[in-house]
Structures are given as C-alpha cells and as structure tokens.
C-alpha cells in the first residue's frame, strides 16, 4: 500500500512539473485560438442565418394574414357593396381595414418611395391620349425621368377580342404609367411612326414593365408593330410571393387596393379600334395601367428588405420575360 502511495505521489509531481504545465498551457491557448477563429469565421454566417430566419418568419405571418384576408375578401366586399367606377373607398369592415393598414404599412416601408396616395385616386379627368409624335415623346420623357428613381412602370394593352377572318386583331391601345402617375396612352392603330424614345423605353432591360400577362402584350406588340419589349414582369408572381392568390387584375385590385375596375363584359367586348373611344373605355384604359403599378408598389415592401432600385431589379429578374406559372407547378 505504501509503495502504491509513493507511486501516486511521484506521478503527481511529474504531472505538475513546470515543463508539463507549460505544455498544457500552450495546448489550451491553441485550443482557445482555434475556437475563437471558428467563431470569427462563422459569426457572419450565424448572423445571416438569423436574419434569414427572421425574414422567413415575417413572410409566413404576412402570407397567413393575406390568406385570411383573401378568404374573407368576397364576404367583405359584399358587405361594403359595390364601389363606384371612379371611387376609391377604404371601408371600416374587416377586409377594408386590413387593406387600408396594408397600404399604410407599405407607404411607411417605402421610405423615399412612399406611395403617398394611390395613383388610381387621382383619376378625376378623362385621360389625355398621345396621338402625335410630339405628344408621345413628351409623355415618354416624363415616364423615363421617373424610372431613374423607381425602375418599374405599368404596362397594359387593349385590342378587339373578336376575330377577323380567323385571326387576332392588332393591338389598338398601349398604356404606360410611371410610379409617379405619368401616363402615355397611345392609340397604336392610329400611329404610323414610333419615336425612338418609345422604342428605347420598351426595350430597356433596366426598366420593369409590370402588369398581368405582360409577356403576351410584349409578344403582340412585336408581332403587330415590330416593337421589342424587354423585362416584362407578371405581378401575380409578387402577389403569390406575398401570400395572395394569383388572380386576374380586377380581383387583385379588389383584394389588395380595395378598388373596383368596373370591367364588365360589355367593356371587354367593346370596339377599341374606333376613332372616338367612349368615356368608359378611356377611363378603363387609365385605371387598368395605374392599378398595375399601384399593386406592385403596395406589395414590394413585403417581398424585399430595402426598397431601392437595385433591390427591385434583383427581385424581379428571376421572373422577367416569363409567363406566369403557379408556385405549385414551379417546384
């Protein structure tokens, strides 16, 4: 027993020797530095993961709320009654309140791009059509100036749906609208020369042309008039990304902006080729393109963290110049 005790004492003294203690200290220091280096290399990754998780959680909340709004939408609109063709009413009903709050939050989130007021509500007069080269150039220059800050414009087209000798009719009307509400409504079938300003705006890849089925409009503009339209974007991608059902323009306007376009069958089937369009046609031509850019402006703050030119372009480029495909069919 005594010999075993002496062995333990000798081993302990050997273990506690200055040389061993120095070696242990160095090993611990190396281990500490290694762990510190690992933490340094991964701190940004953990921060990024946290930000991504927070963003995902925020988007889930937005999508869930949007789904609830969509589910209650029809009932809410029936309670509010029909909104007039030129009205822009935010109701106190549950559906209307959620839309009003959503628009308010979007305006706050936009910062320097704040909506201020929905463009649609500024429709107090019959829109002026650009029928001469000079008028087209003036209208396009105003739109292009606005795109220097906000690289998205609304785009829509009208044409007669009835077939002529088994063929589709040419586009009769081209509508463009900037984020500031500057309009260019051009009767394409009455214009024989298209200025370079219009051509350059349409084919500029750094300007998003937003609407519903804009890729079809681009296809027809190329077929009918040889005009190249680049960077078309279907706003249903954005609506679906924010949790809304990817409905048609009229339904999206109702659900997101609380606006009724008043697009009935009589208007859809009306003659867009005639020389003098009636007031309903002119009003719809303005409203449809303004609503397109309004929906984009209202939803985009929920899809990206910072609303600026580069972030908007980077977000949209994934789906530019592509026909809309439902999310369930994409993946």
C-alpha atoms as a PDB file:
ATOM      1  CA  UNK A   1       0.000   0.000   0.000  1.00  0.00           C
ATOM      2  CA  UNK A   2       2.832   2.362   0.900  1.00  0.00           C
ATOM      3  CA  UNK A   3       4.595   1.642  -2.391  1.00  0.00           C
ATOM      4  CA  UNK A   4       1.389   2.419  -4.333  1.00  0.00           C
ATOM      5  CA  UNK A   5       1.028   5.698  -2.435  1.00  0.00           C
ATOM      6  CA  UNK A   6       4.620   6.631  -3.253  1.00  0.00           C
ATOM      7  CA  UNK A   7       3.926   5.825  -6.921  1.00  0.00           C
ATOM      8  CA  UNK A   8       0.915   8.172  -6.988  1.00  0.00           C
ATOM      9  CA  UNK A   9       2.899  10.963  -5.323  1.00  0.00           C
ATOM     10  CA  UNK A  10       5.715  10.539  -7.843  1.00  0.00           C
ATOM     11  CA  UNK A  11       3.289  10.564 -10.772  1.00  0.00           C
ATOM     12  CA  UNK A  12       1.536  13.666  -9.475  1.00  0.00           C
ATOM     13  CA  UNK A  13       4.819  15.518  -9.062  1.00  0.00           C
ATOM     14  CA  UNK A  14       5.838  14.546 -12.574  1.00  0.00           C
ATOM     15  CA  UNK A  15       2.465  15.737 -13.968  1.00  0.00           C
ATOM     16  CA  UNK A  16       2.741  19.068 -12.119  1.00  0.00           C
ATOM     17  CA  UNK A  17       6.260  19.753 -13.334  1.00  0.00           C
ATOM     18  CA  UNK A  18       6.878  23.189 -14.945  1.00  0.00           C
ATOM     19  CA  UNK A  19       7.515  21.557 -18.323  1.00  0.00           C
ATOM     20  CA  UNK A  20       4.165  19.751 -18.303  1.00  0.00           C
ATOM     21  CA  UNK A  21       2.303  22.791 -17.045  1.00  0.00           C
ATOM     22  CA  UNK A  22       3.796  24.896 -19.847  1.00  0.00           C
ATOM     23  CA  UNK A  23       2.779  22.305 -22.432  1.00  0.00           C
ATOM     24  CA  UNK A  24      -0.781  22.175 -21.074  1.00  0.00           C
ATOM     25  CA  UNK A  25      -0.983  25.975 -21.097  1.00  0.00           C
ATOM     26  CA  UNK A  26       0.162  26.087 -24.726  1.00  0.00           C
ATOM     27  CA  UNK A  27      -2.350  23.411 -25.747  1.00  0.00           C
ATOM     28  CA  UNK A  28      -5.164  25.305 -24.059  1.00  0.00           C
ATOM     29  CA  UNK A  29      -4.098  28.552 -25.734  1.00  0.00           C
ATOM     30  CA  UNK A  30      -4.060  26.865 -29.157  1.00  0.00           C
ATOM     31  CA  UNK A  31      -7.479  25.357 -28.484  1.00  0.00           C
ATOM     32  CA  UNK A  32      -8.816  28.752 -27.430  1.00  0.00           C
ATOM     33  CA  UNK A  33      -7.427  30.430 -30.532  1.00  0.00           C
ATOM     34  CA  UNK A  34      -8.869  27.697 -32.700  1.00  0.00           C
ATOM     35  CA  UNK A  35     -12.309  28.116 -31.177  1.00  0.00           C
ATOM     36  CA  UNK A  36     -12.032  31.911 -31.468  1.00  0.00           C
ATOM     37  CA  UNK A  37     -11.094  31.598 -35.126  1.00  0.00           C
ATOM     38  CA  UNK A  38     -14.006  29.268 -35.738  1.00  0.00           C
ATOM     39  CA  UNK A  39     -16.370  31.703 -34.061  1.00  0.00           C
ATOM     40  CA  UNK A  40     -14.981  34.586 -36.098  1.00  0.00           C
ATOM     41  CA  UNK A  41     -15.404  32.693 -39.352  1.00  0.00           C
ATOM     42  CA  UNK A  42     -18.935  31.661 -38.562  1.00  0.00           C
ATOM     43  CA  UNK A  43     -20.260  34.743 -36.760  1.00  0.00           C
ATOM     44  CA  UNK A  44     -21.358  36.370 -40.001  1.00  0.00           C
ATOM     45  CA  UNK A  45     -22.909  33.089 -41.119  1.00  0.00           C
ATOM     46  CA  UNK A  46     -24.873  32.785 -37.877  1.00  0.00           C
ATOM     47  CA  UNK A  47     -25.968  36.416 -38.206  1.00  0.00           C
ATOM     48  CA  UNK A  48     -27.056  35.772 -41.789  1.00  0.00           C
ATOM     49  CA  UNK A  49     -28.944  32.644 -40.742  1.00  0.00           C
ATOM     50  CA  UNK A  50     -30.694  34.620 -38.005  1.00  0.00           C
ATOM     51  CA  UNK A  51     -31.698  37.346 -40.459  1.00  0.00           C
ATOM     52  CA  UNK A  52     -32.975  34.759 -42.914  1.00  0.00           C
ATOM     53  CA  UNK A  53     -34.961  33.032 -40.194  1.00  0.00           C
ATOM     54  CA  UNK A  54     -36.484  36.317 -39.049  1.00  0.00           C
ATOM     55  CA  UNK A  55     -37.374  37.222 -42.620  1.00  0.00           C
ATOM     56  CA  UNK A  56     -38.917  33.805 -43.222  1.00  0.00           C
ATOM     57  CA  UNK A  57     -40.961  34.127 -40.033  1.00  0.00           C
ATOM     58  CA  UNK A  58     -42.116  37.602 -41.057  1.00  0.00           C
ATOM     59  CA  UNK A  59     -43.103  36.373 -44.521  1.00  0.00           C
ATOM     60  CA  UNK A  60     -45.050  33.474 -43.007  1.00  0.00           C
ATOM     61  CA  UNK A  61     -47.029  35.918 -40.880  1.00  0.00           C
ATOM     62  CA  UNK A  62     -47.721  38.114 -43.905  1.00  0.00           C
ATOM     63  CA  UNK A  63     -48.794  35.132 -46.005  1.00  0.00           C
ATOM     64  CA  UNK A  64     -51.082  33.821 -43.263  1.00  0.00           C
ATOM     65  CA  UNK A  65     -52.682  37.232 -42.847  1.00  0.00           C
ATOM     66  CA  UNK A  66     -53.048  37.586 -46.608  1.00  0.00           C
ATOM     67  CA  UNK A  67     -54.729  34.186 -46.834  1.00  0.00           C
ATOM     68  CA  UNK A  68     -57.169  35.220 -44.112  1.00  0.00           C
ATOM     69  CA  UNK A  69     -57.895  38.443 -45.989  1.00  0.00           C
ATOM     70  CA  UNK A  70     -58.429  36.515 -49.227  1.00  0.00           C
ATOM     71  CA  UNK A  71     -60.762  34.058 -47.509  1.00  0.00           C
ATOM     72  CA  UNK A  72     -62.803  36.934 -46.090  1.00  0.00           C
ATOM     73  CA  UNK A  73     -62.494  39.060 -49.213  1.00  0.00           C
ATOM     74  CA  UNK A  74     -65.670  38.126 -51.046  1.00  0.00           C
ATOM     75  CA  UNK A  75     -67.790  38.398 -47.915  1.00  0.00           C
ATOM     76  CA  UNK A  76     -66.232  41.743 -47.008  1.00  0.00           C
ATOM     77  CA  UNK A  77     -66.809  43.186 -50.457  1.00  0.00           C
ATOM     78  CA  UNK A  78     -70.434  42.053 -50.451  1.00  0.00           C
ATOM     79  CA  UNK A  79     -70.926  43.806 -47.091  1.00  0.00           C
ATOM     80  CA  UNK A  80     -69.355  47.008 -48.367  1.00  0.00           C
ATOM     81  CA  UNK A  81     -71.392  46.949 -51.534  1.00  0.00           C
ATOM     82  CA  UNK A  82     -70.173  47.785 -54.973  1.00  0.00           C
ATOM     83  CA  UNK A  83     -67.566  50.515 -55.214  1.00  0.00           C
ATOM     84  CA  UNK A  84     -68.290  53.114 -57.904  1.00  0.00           C
ATOM     85  CA  UNK A  85     -66.297  53.147 -61.117  1.00  0.00           C
ATOM     86  CA  UNK A  86     -64.334  56.222 -60.003  1.00  0.00           C
ATOM     87  CA  UNK A  87     -64.394  55.686 -56.242  1.00  0.00           C
ATOM     88  CA  UNK A  88     -61.534  54.704 -54.007  1.00  0.00           C
ATOM     89  CA  UNK A  89     -63.060  53.696 -50.705  1.00  0.00           C
ATOM     90  CA  UNK A  90     -61.354  52.241 -47.653  1.00  0.00           C
ATOM     91  CA  UNK A  91     -64.169  50.625 -45.694  1.00  0.00           C
ATOM     92  CA  UNK A  92     -64.279  50.134 -41.944  1.00  0.00           C
ATOM     93  CA  UNK A  93     -65.200  46.489 -42.442  1.00  0.00           C
ATOM     94  CA  UNK A  94     -62.625  43.822 -41.580  1.00  0.00           C
ATOM     95  CA  UNK A  95     -61.488  43.284 -45.153  1.00  0.00           C
ATOM     96  CA  UNK A  96     -61.274  47.007 -45.891  1.00  0.00           C
ATOM     97  CA  UNK A  97     -59.398  47.731 -42.684  1.00  0.00           C
ATOM     98  CA  UNK A  98     -56.767  45.127 -43.400  1.00  0.00           C
ATOM     99  CA  UNK A  99     -56.257  46.537 -46.893  1.00  0.00           C
ATOM    100  CA  UNK A 100     -56.018  50.094 -45.561  1.00  0.00           C
ATOM    101  CA  UNK A 101     -53.494  49.023 -42.930  1.00  0.00           C
ATOM    102  CA  UNK A 102     -51.517  47.110 -45.556  1.00  0.00           C
ATOM    103  CA  UNK A 103     -51.339  50.149 -47.852  1.00  0.00           C
ATOM    104  CA  UNK A 104     -50.333  52.351 -44.920  1.00  0.00           C
ATOM    105  CA  UNK A 105     -47.548  49.991 -43.863  1.00  0.00           C
ATOM    106  CA  UNK A 106     -46.366  49.740 -47.445  1.00  0.00           C
ATOM    107  CA  UNK A 107     -46.199  53.536 -47.718  1.00  0.00           C
ATOM    108  CA  UNK A 108     -44.180  53.679 -44.496  1.00  0.00           C
ATOM    109  CA  UNK A 109     -41.825  50.898 -45.598  1.00  0.00           C
ATOM    110  CA  UNK A 110     -41.190  52.509 -48.973  1.00  0.00           C
ATOM    111  CA  UNK A 111     -39.353  55.418 -47.363  1.00  0.00           C
ATOM    112  CA  UNK A 112     -38.261  57.719 -50.173  1.00  0.00           C
ATOM    113  CA  UNK A 113     -40.567  55.790 -52.487  1.00  0.00           C
ATOM    114  CA  UNK A 114     -43.640  56.320 -50.290  1.00  0.00           C
ATOM    115  CA  UNK A 115     -46.884  55.866 -52.157  1.00  0.00           C
ATOM    116  CA  UNK A 116     -48.444  58.968 -50.633  1.00  0.00           C
ATOM    117  CA  UNK A 117     -51.673  58.280 -52.457  1.00  0.00           C
ATOM    118  CA  UNK A 118     -52.807  55.558 -54.762  1.00  0.00           C
ATOM    119  CA  UNK A 119     -52.426  56.728 -58.358  1.00  0.00           C
ATOM    120  CA  UNK A 120     -55.891  55.466 -59.167  1.00  0.00           C
ATOM    121  CA  UNK A 121     -57.486  58.037 -56.840  1.00  0.00           C
ATOM    122  CA  UNK A 122     -56.036  60.870 -58.930  1.00  0.00           C
ATOM    123  CA  UNK A 123     -58.266  59.916 -61.878  1.00  0.00           C
ATOM    124  CA  UNK A 124     -60.510  62.955 -61.856  1.00  0.00           C
ATOM    125  CA  UNK A 125     -60.438  63.829 -65.545  1.00  0.00           C
ATOM    126  CA  UNK A 126     -60.626  61.960 -68.816  1.00  0.00           C
ATOM    127  CA  UNK A 127     -57.049  60.928 -69.621  1.00  0.00           C
ATOM    128  CA  UNK A 128     -55.327  62.633 -72.498  1.00  0.00           C
ATOM    129  CA  UNK A 129     -54.221  60.349 -75.312  1.00  0.00           C
ATOM    130  CA  UNK A 130     -50.867  60.830 -77.030  1.00  0.00           C
ATOM    131  CA  UNK A 131     -51.733  60.885 -80.715  1.00  0.00           C
ATOM    132  CA  UNK A 132     -48.860  62.830 -82.271  1.00  0.00           C
ATOM    133  CA  UNK A 133     -45.137  62.138 -82.277  1.00  0.00           C
ATOM    134  CA  UNK A 134     -44.520  65.233 -80.181  1.00  0.00           C
ATOM    135  CA  UNK A 135     -47.100  64.202 -77.570  1.00  0.00           C
ATOM    136  CA  UNK A 136     -45.703  60.673 -77.389  1.00  0.00           C
ATOM    137  CA  UNK A 137     -42.147  61.956 -76.884  1.00  0.00           C
ATOM    138  CA  UNK A 138     -43.247  64.373 -74.143  1.00  0.00           C
ATOM    139  CA  UNK A 139     -45.174  61.645 -72.301  1.00  0.00           C
ATOM    140  CA  UNK A 140     -42.340  59.106 -72.601  1.00  0.00           C
ATOM    141  CA  UNK A 141     -39.748  61.570 -71.315  1.00  0.00           C
ATOM    142  CA  UNK A 142     -41.777  62.145 -68.141  1.00  0.00           C
ATOM    143  CA  UNK A 143     -42.111  58.413 -67.581  1.00  0.00           C
ATOM    144  CA  UNK A 144     -38.433  57.791 -68.244  1.00  0.00           C
ATOM    145  CA  UNK A 145     -37.456  60.513 -65.779  1.00  0.00           C
ATOM    146  CA  UNK A 146     -39.454  58.766 -63.048  1.00  0.00           C
ATOM    147  CA  UNK A 147     -37.738  55.440 -63.759  1.00  0.00           C
ATOM    148  CA  UNK A 148     -34.370  56.879 -62.760  1.00  0.00           C
ATOM    149  CA  UNK A 149     -35.534  56.541 -59.153  1.00  0.00           C
ATOM    150  CA  UNK A 150     -38.150  53.782 -59.395  1.00  0.00           C
ATOM    151  CA  UNK A 151     -37.358  51.310 -62.231  1.00  0.00           C
ATOM    152  CA  UNK A 152     -40.891  49.966 -62.715  1.00  0.00           C
ATOM    153  CA  UNK A 153     -43.725  51.098 -64.960  1.00  0.00           C
ATOM    154  CA  UNK A 154     -47.185  49.717 -65.511  1.00  0.00           C
ATOM    155  CA  UNK A 155     -47.970  48.300 -68.956  1.00  0.00           C
ATOM    156  CA  UNK A 156     -51.266  47.216 -70.453  1.00  0.00           C
ATOM    157  CA  UNK A 157     -52.774  46.845 -73.922  1.00  0.00           C
ATOM    158  CA  UNK A 158     -56.276  46.731 -75.391  1.00  0.00           C
ATOM    159  CA  UNK A 159     -57.484  45.138 -78.614  1.00  0.00           C
ATOM    160  CA  UNK A 160     -60.684  43.804 -80.098  1.00  0.00           C
ATOM    161  CA  UNK A 161     -61.343  40.278 -78.918  1.00  0.00           C
ATOM    162  CA  UNK A 162     -63.483  39.364 -81.886  1.00  0.00           C
ATOM    163  CA  UNK A 163     -61.563  37.523 -84.579  1.00  0.00           C
ATOM    164  CA  UNK A 164     -61.184  38.970 -88.068  1.00  0.00           C
ATOM    165  CA  UNK A 165     -61.064  36.281 -90.762  1.00  0.00           C
ATOM    166  CA  UNK A 166     -59.958  33.805 -88.122  1.00  0.00           C
ATOM    167  CA  UNK A 167     -57.073  35.970 -86.944  1.00  0.00           C
ATOM    168  CA  UNK A 168     -56.447  38.047 -83.842  1.00  0.00           C
ATOM    169  CA  UNK A 169     -56.893  41.796 -84.193  1.00  0.00           C
ATOM    170  CA  UNK A 170     -53.881  44.033 -83.750  1.00  0.00           C
ATOM    171  CA  UNK A 171     -53.318  45.901 -80.514  1.00  0.00           C
ATOM    172  CA  UNK A 172     -55.347  49.087 -80.612  1.00  0.00           C
ATOM    173  CA  UNK A 173     -54.135  50.822 -77.453  1.00  0.00           C
ATOM    174  CA  UNK A 174     -50.856  50.824 -75.488  1.00  0.00           C
ATOM    175  CA  UNK A 175     -50.945  52.152 -71.928  1.00  0.00           C
ATOM    176  CA  UNK A 176     -47.872  53.021 -69.850  1.00  0.00           C
ATOM    177  CA  UNK A 177     -47.712  54.555 -66.373  1.00  0.00           C
ATOM    178  CA  UNK A 178     -44.793  55.517 -64.124  1.00  0.00           C
ATOM    179  CA  UNK A 179     -44.638  55.190 -60.349  1.00  0.00           C
ATOM    180  CA  UNK A 180     -45.494  58.898 -60.111  1.00  0.00           C
ATOM    181  CA  UNK A 181     -48.599  58.552 -62.255  1.00  0.00           C
ATOM    182  CA  UNK A 182     -47.287  59.981 -65.518  1.00  0.00           C
ATOM    183  CA  UNK A 183     -49.219  58.370 -68.356  1.00  0.00           C
ATOM    184  CA  UNK A 184     -48.708  57.567 -72.004  1.00  0.00           C
ATOM    185  CA  UNK A 185     -51.870  56.218 -73.650  1.00  0.00           C
ATOM    186  CA  UNK A 186     -51.131  55.629 -77.309  1.00  0.00           C
ATOM    187  CA  UNK A 187     -53.649  54.554 -79.979  1.00  0.00           C
ATOM    188  CA  UNK A 188     -51.262  52.253 -81.816  1.00  0.00           C
ATOM    189  CA  UNK A 189     -53.565  51.707 -84.776  1.00  0.00           C
ATOM    190  CA  UNK A 190     -53.617  55.462 -85.450  1.00  0.00           C
ATOM    191  CA  UNK A 191     -49.850  55.991 -85.289  1.00  0.00           C
ATOM    192  CA  UNK A 192     -47.627  55.221 -88.271  1.00  0.00           C
ATOM    193  CA  UNK A 193     -44.240  56.279 -86.874  1.00  0.00           C
ATOM    194  CA  UNK A 194     -42.997  55.277 -83.443  1.00  0.00           C
ATOM    195  CA  UNK A 195     -40.354  57.597 -81.985  1.00  0.00           C
ATOM    196  CA  UNK A 196     -37.043  56.271 -80.696  1.00  0.00           C
ATOM    197  CA  UNK A 197     -37.954  57.444 -77.198  1.00  0.00           C
ATOM    198  CA  UNK A 198     -40.801  54.922 -77.100  1.00  0.00           C
ATOM    199  CA  UNK A 199     -38.704  52.125 -78.614  1.00  0.00           C
ATOM    200  CA  UNK A 200     -35.838  52.705 -76.175  1.00  0.00           C
ATOM    201  CA  UNK A 201     -38.148  52.754 -73.165  1.00  0.00           C
ATOM    202  CA  UNK A 202     -39.845  49.488 -74.136  1.00  0.00           C
ATOM    203  CA  UNK A 203     -36.642  47.562 -74.838  1.00  0.00           C
ATOM    204  CA  UNK A 204     -34.705  48.909 -71.845  1.00  0.00           C
ATOM    205  CA  UNK A 205     -33.865  45.850 -69.742  1.00  0.00           C
ATOM    206  CA  UNK A 206     -33.304  48.004 -66.635  1.00  0.00           C
ATOM    207  CA  UNK A 207     -36.948  49.141 -66.588  1.00  0.00           C
ATOM    208  CA  UNK A 208     -39.510  46.572 -65.425  1.00  0.00           C
ATOM    209  CA  UNK A 209     -42.839  46.521 -67.274  1.00  0.00           C
ATOM    210  CA  UNK A 210     -45.350  45.294 -64.711  1.00  0.00           C
ATOM    211  CA  UNK A 211     -48.874  44.018 -65.215  1.00  0.00           C
ATOM    212  CA  UNK A 212     -50.862  40.837 -65.745  1.00  0.00           C
ATOM    213  CA  UNK A 213     -49.815  38.730 -68.744  1.00  0.00           C
ATOM    214  CA  UNK A 214     -47.433  41.452 -69.887  1.00  0.00           C
ATOM    215  CA  UNK A 215     -45.398  38.867 -71.777  1.00  0.00           C
ATOM    216  CA  UNK A 216     -48.415  38.345 -74.031  1.00  0.00           C
ATOM    217  CA  UNK A 217     -48.671  42.104 -74.588  1.00  0.00           C
ATOM    218  CA  UNK A 218     -44.967  42.141 -75.493  1.00  0.00           C
ATOM    219  CA  UNK A 219     -45.434  39.273 -77.935  1.00  0.00           C
ATOM    220  CA  UNK A 220     -48.325  41.044 -79.693  1.00  0.00           C
ATOM    221  CA  UNK A 221     -46.510  44.402 -79.826  1.00  0.00           C
ATOM    222  CA  UNK A 222     -43.620  42.672 -81.576  1.00  0.00           C
ATOM    223  CA  UNK A 223     -45.896  40.810 -83.986  1.00  0.00           C
ATOM    224  CA  UNK A 224     -48.114  43.806 -84.760  1.00  0.00           C
ATOM    225  CA  UNK A 225     -45.673  46.736 -84.799  1.00  0.00           C
ATOM    226  CA  UNK A 226     -42.156  45.333 -84.563  1.00  0.00           C
ATOM    227  CA  UNK A 227     -41.669  46.846 -81.095  1.00  0.00           C
ATOM    228  CA  UNK A 228     -39.335  44.944 -78.761  1.00  0.00           C
ATOM    229  CA  UNK A 229     -40.450  44.924 -75.127  1.00  0.00           C
ATOM    230  CA  UNK A 230     -37.903  43.686 -72.564  1.00  0.00           C
ATOM    231  CA  UNK A 231     -38.129  42.918 -68.839  1.00  0.00           C
ATOM    232  CA  UNK A 232     -41.847  42.214 -68.652  1.00  0.00           C
ATOM    233  CA  UNK A 233     -42.997  41.113 -65.199  1.00  0.00           C
ATOM    234  CA  UNK A 234     -46.264  39.474 -64.216  1.00  0.00           C
ATOM    235  CA  UNK A 235     -47.358  40.969 -60.883  1.00  0.00           C
ATOM    236  CA  UNK A 236     -49.033  37.684 -59.957  1.00  0.00           C
ATOM    237  CA  UNK A 237     -45.551  36.405 -59.052  1.00  0.00           C
ATOM    238  CA  UNK A 238     -45.268  39.193 -56.493  1.00  0.00           C
ATOM    239  CA  UNK A 239     -48.831  38.697 -55.253  1.00  0.00           C
ATOM    240  CA  UNK A 240     -48.275  34.985 -54.726  1.00  0.00           C
ATOM    241  CA  UNK A 241     -44.925  35.610 -53.040  1.00  0.00           C
ATOM    242  CA  UNK A 242     -46.731  37.856 -50.543  1.00  0.00           C
ATOM    243  CA  UNK A 243     -49.380  35.237 -49.813  1.00  0.00           C
ATOM    244  CA  UNK A 244     -52.194  36.445 -52.071  1.00  0.00           C
ATOM    245  CA  UNK A 245     -53.998  34.295 -54.572  1.00  0.00           C
ATOM    246  CA  UNK A 246     -52.585  34.991 -58.063  1.00  0.00           C
ATOM    247  CA  UNK A 247     -55.862  36.228 -59.508  1.00  0.00           C
ATOM    248  CA  UNK A 248     -56.616  38.430 -62.502  1.00  0.00           C
ATOM    249  CA  UNK A 249     -56.013  42.181 -62.454  1.00  0.00           C
ATOM    250  CA  UNK A 250     -59.570  43.048 -61.424  1.00  0.00           C
ATOM    251  CA  UNK A 251     -59.578  40.669 -58.436  1.00  0.00           C
ATOM    252  CA  UNK A 252     -56.091  41.720 -57.364  1.00  0.00           C
ATOM    253  CA  UNK A 253     -57.217  45.346 -57.427  1.00  0.00           C
ATOM    254  CA  UNK A 254     -60.167  44.477 -55.203  1.00  0.00           C
ATOM    255  CA  UNK A 255     -58.213  42.373 -52.733  1.00  0.00           C
ATOM    256  CA  UNK A 256     -55.065  44.475 -52.468  1.00  0.00           C
ATOM    257  CA  UNK A 257     -56.129  48.056 -53.241  1.00  0.00           C
ATOM    258  CA  UNK A 258     -59.836  47.911 -52.394  1.00  0.00           C
ATOM    259  CA  UNK A 259     -60.575  49.231 -55.875  1.00  0.00           C
ATOM    260  CA  UNK A 260     -63.129  48.104 -58.433  1.00  0.00           C
ATOM    261  CA  UNK A 261     -62.100  48.449 -62.055  1.00  0.00           C
ATOM    262  CA  UNK A 262     -65.633  48.090 -63.393  1.00  0.00           C
ATOM    263  CA  UNK A 263     -64.511  45.709 -66.123  1.00  0.00           C
ATOM    264  CA  UNK A 264     -67.728  44.140 -67.391  1.00  0.00           C
ATOM    265  CA  UNK A 265     -68.285  42.036 -70.469  1.00  0.00           C
ATOM    266  CA  UNK A 266     -69.676  44.964 -72.449  1.00  0.00           C
ATOM    267  CA  UNK A 267     -66.417  46.849 -71.912  1.00  0.00           C
ATOM    268  CA  UNK A 268     -64.242  43.816 -72.657  1.00  0.00           C
ATOM    269  CA  UNK A 269     -66.009  43.163 -75.937  1.00  0.00           C
ATOM    270  CA  UNK A 270     -66.223  46.830 -76.966  1.00  0.00           C
ATOM    271  CA  UNK A 271     -64.632  48.219 -80.120  1.00  0.00           C
ATOM    272  CA  UNK A 272     -61.160  49.505 -79.277  1.00  0.00           C
ATOM    273  CA  UNK A 273     -60.359  50.283 -82.907  1.00  0.00           C
ATOM    274  CA  UNK A 274     -62.926  53.021 -83.369  1.00  0.00           C
ATOM    275  CA  UNK A 275     -61.775  56.598 -83.837  1.00  0.00           C
ATOM    276  CA  UNK A 276     -63.528  58.035 -80.792  1.00  0.00           C
ATOM    277  CA  UNK A 277     -63.461  55.852 -77.681  1.00  0.00           C
ATOM    278  CA  UNK A 278     -66.273  56.441 -75.198  1.00  0.00           C
ATOM    279  CA  UNK A 279     -65.718  57.673 -71.656  1.00  0.00           C
ATOM    280  CA  UNK A 280     -65.893  54.174 -70.145  1.00  0.00           C
ATOM    281  CA  UNK A 281     -63.163  52.936 -72.469  1.00  0.00           C
ATOM    282  CA  UNK A 282     -60.930  55.922 -71.787  1.00  0.00           C
ATOM    283  CA  UNK A 283     -61.455  55.624 -68.044  1.00  0.00           C
ATOM    284  CA  UNK A 284     -60.667  51.913 -68.025  1.00  0.00           C
ATOM    285  CA  UNK A 285     -57.573  52.456 -70.165  1.00  0.00           C
ATOM    286  CA  UNK A 286     -56.195  54.760 -67.492  1.00  0.00           C
ATOM    287  CA  UNK A 287     -57.339  52.754 -64.478  1.00  0.00           C
ATOM    288  CA  UNK A 288     -56.019  49.367 -65.570  1.00  0.00           C
ATOM    289  CA  UNK A 289     -52.451  50.548 -66.081  1.00  0.00           C
ATOM    290  CA  UNK A 290     -52.404  52.675 -62.912  1.00  0.00           C
ATOM    291  CA  UNK A 291     -53.683  49.748 -60.871  1.00  0.00           C
ATOM    292  CA  UNK A 292     -50.879  47.567 -62.221  1.00  0.00           C
ATOM    293  CA  UNK A 293     -48.151  49.837 -60.884  1.00  0.00           C
ATOM    294  CA  UNK A 294     -50.122  50.504 -57.672  1.00  0.00           C
ATOM    295  CA  UNK A 295     -50.309  46.790 -56.851  1.00  0.00           C
ATOM    296  CA  UNK A 296     -46.577  46.451 -57.399  1.00  0.00           C
ATOM    297  CA  UNK A 297     -45.772  49.461 -55.219  1.00  0.00           C
ATOM    298  CA  UNK A 298     -48.060  48.234 -52.453  1.00  0.00           C
ATOM    299  CA  UNK A 299     -46.670  44.685 -52.280  1.00  0.00           C
ATOM    300  CA  UNK A 300     -42.961  45.065 -52.995  1.00  0.00           C
ATOM    301  CA  UNK A 301     -42.018  46.271 -49.461  1.00  0.00           C
ATOM    302  CA  UNK A 302     -43.223  42.904 -48.129  1.00  0.00           C
ATOM    303  CA  UNK A 303     -41.023  40.953 -50.547  1.00  0.00           C
ATOM    304  CA  UNK A 304     -37.675  42.726 -50.148  1.00  0.00           C
ATOM    305  CA  UNK A 305     -35.886  44.161 -47.130  1.00  0.00           C
ATOM    306  CA  UNK A 306     -34.987  47.514 -48.709  1.00  0.00           C
ATOM    307  CA  UNK A 307     -36.939  49.213 -51.464  1.00  0.00           C
ATOM    308  CA  UNK A 308     -34.369  50.701 -53.789  1.00  0.00           C
ATOM    309  CA  UNK A 309     -33.576  50.442 -57.478  1.00  0.00           C
ATOM    310  CA  UNK A 310     -31.091  47.561 -57.289  1.00  0.00           C
ATOM    311  CA  UNK A 311     -33.147  45.505 -54.829  1.00  0.00           C
ATOM    312  CA  UNK A 312     -36.258  45.846 -57.008  1.00  0.00           C
ATOM    313  CA  UNK A 313     -34.390  44.809 -60.147  1.00  0.00           C
ATOM    314  CA  UNK A 314     -32.684  41.872 -58.437  1.00  0.00           C
ATOM    315  CA  UNK A 315     -36.004  40.643 -57.073  1.00  0.00           C
ATOM    316  CA  UNK A 316     -37.850  40.882 -60.394  1.00  0.00           C
ATOM    317  CA  UNK A 317     -35.162  39.436 -62.650  1.00  0.00           C
ATOM    318  CA  UNK A 318     -35.927  35.879 -61.567  1.00  0.00           C
ATOM    319  CA  UNK A 319     -39.247  36.018 -63.396  1.00  0.00           C
ATOM    320  CA  UNK A 320     -38.832  38.685 -66.091  1.00  0.00           C
ATOM    321  CA  UNK A 321     -39.983  37.818 -69.590  1.00  0.00           C
ATOM    322  CA  UNK A 322     -41.632  34.622 -68.359  1.00  0.00           C
ATOM    323  CA  UNK A 323     -45.290  33.607 -68.493  1.00  0.00           C
ATOM    324  CA  UNK A 324     -46.855  33.219 -65.078  1.00  0.00           C
ATOM    325  CA  UNK A 325     -46.658  29.721 -63.604  1.00  0.00           C
ATOM    326  CA  UNK A 326     -48.308  28.822 -60.313  1.00  0.00           C
ATOM    327  CA  UNK A 327     -45.912  28.180 -57.437  1.00  0.00           C
ATOM    328  CA  UNK A 328     -47.102  24.567 -57.064  1.00  0.00           C
ATOM    329  CA  UNK A 329     -46.146  23.926 -60.688  1.00  0.00           C
ATOM    330  CA  UNK A 330     -42.747  25.620 -60.473  1.00  0.00           C
ATOM    331  CA  UNK A 331     -41.163  23.327 -57.890  1.00  0.00           C
END
